[in-house]
Amino acid sequence: MLIMVSITFSIPEETRKIMKEFPEVNWTHLVRSSIEEKAKKLALRKELLKRLDSEKDFIDWSVKLGKEAKKGRALRLK
């Protein structure tokens, strides 16, 4: 079962006047879906950064290995 919570926020009076000009828009749904979408994107970003950080040691090792291989080749070509 999905539990919903209520939040309250303020908007400028001018914005509210504009919103009233468009009663066909479900403003509650629009705000809810916008918040959900942004929260999901932030959660995904956090997870991707966490994965990238966990792979940092491997990336550093592979870069170091590549540099050492290039040095070895350069010495052999001289």
Protein backbone atom coordinates (compact mmCIF):
# COMPACT_ATOMS: atom_id res chain seq x y z
CA MET A 1 0.00 0.00 0.00
CA LEU A 2 1.36 3.38 -1.02
CA ILE A 3 1.35 5.92 1.80
CA MET A 4 1.09 9.52 0.68
CA VAL A 5 2.21 12.50 2.76
CA SER A 6 1.18 16.11 2.37
CA ILE A 7 3.53 19.03 1.91
CA THR A 8 2.80 22.71 1.74
CA PHE A 9 4.78 25.30 -0.18
CA SER A 10 4.41 28.92 -1.19
CA ILE A 11 4.44 30.44 -4.64
CA PRO A 12 4.37 34.07 -5.74
CA GLU A 13 0.91 35.62 -6.00
CA GLU A 14 1.49 36.39 -9.67
CA THR A 15 2.15 32.71 -10.34
CA ARG A 16 -1.08 31.77 -8.58
CA LYS A 17 -3.01 34.24 -10.74
CA ILE A 18 -1.59 32.65 -13.87
CA MET A 19 -2.45 29.17 -12.58
CA LYS A 20 -6.05 30.23 -12.04
CA GLU A 21 -6.26 31.16 -15.71
CA PHE A 22 -5.77 27.47 -16.55
CA PRO A 23 -8.21 25.47 -14.42
CA GLU A 24 -7.98 22.54 -16.83
CA VAL A 25 -4.44 21.84 -15.57
CA ASN A 26 -4.26 19.47 -12.64
CA TRP A 27 -1.63 21.47 -10.76
CA THR A 28 -1.39 19.00 -7.89
CA HIS A 29 -0.62 16.14 -10.27
CA LEU A 30 1.86 18.28 -12.19
CA VAL A 31 3.77 19.23 -9.06
CA ARG A 32 3.65 15.69 -7.66
CA SER A 33 4.94 14.10 -10.86
CA SER A 34 7.65 16.76 -11.23
CA ILE A 35 8.89 16.12 -7.69
CA GLU A 36 8.81 12.35 -8.18
CA GLU A 37 10.73 12.59 -11.45
CA LYS A 38 13.40 14.86 -9.96
CA ALA A 39 13.75 12.63 -6.87
CA LYS A 40 14.20 9.54 -9.06
CA LYS A 41 16.85 11.28 -11.17
CA LEU A 42 18.74 12.38 -8.06
CA ALA A 43 18.58 8.86 -6.62
CA LEU A 44 19.92 7.41 -9.88
CA ARG A 45 22.70 10.01 -9.97
CA LYS A 46 23.65 9.12 -6.40
CA GLU A 47 23.75 5.41 -7.24
CA LEU A 48 25.85 5.97 -10.38
CA LEU A 49 28.33 8.14 -8.48
CA LYS A 50 28.54 5.45 -5.79
CA ARG A 51 29.30 2.79 -8.43
CA LEU A 52 31.84 5.01 -10.15
CA ASP A 53 33.57 5.66 -6.84
CA SER A 54 33.72 1.92 -6.11
CA GLU A 55 35.41 1.36 -9.48
CA LYS A 56 37.96 4.14 -8.94
CA ASP A 57 40.70 1.76 -7.73
CA PHE A 58 40.32 -0.40 -10.84
CA ILE A 59 40.38 2.65 -13.13
CA ASP A 60 43.49 4.03 -11.41
CA TRP A 61 45.21 0.63 -11.71
CA SER A 62 44.37 0.29 -15.41
CA VAL A 63 45.61 3.83 -16.20
CA LYS A 64 48.85 3.14 -14.35
CA LEU A 65 49.29 -0.15 -16.18
CA GLY A 66 48.74 1.57 -19.55
CA LYS A 67 51.33 4.25 -18.76
CA GLU A 68 53.88 1.61 -17.72
CA ALA A 69 53.26 -0.34 -20.93
CA LYS A 70 53.83 2.79 -23.02
CA LYS A 71 57.10 3.53 -21.18
CA GLY A 72 58.31 0.00 -21.82
CA ARG A 73 57.53 0.21 -25.51
CA ALA A 74 59.22 3.58 -25.85
CA LEU A 75 62.40 2.22 -24.28
CA ARG A 76 62.42 -0.79 -26.61
CA LEU A 77 62.00 1.42 -29.69
CA LYS A 78 65.06 3.56 -28.86
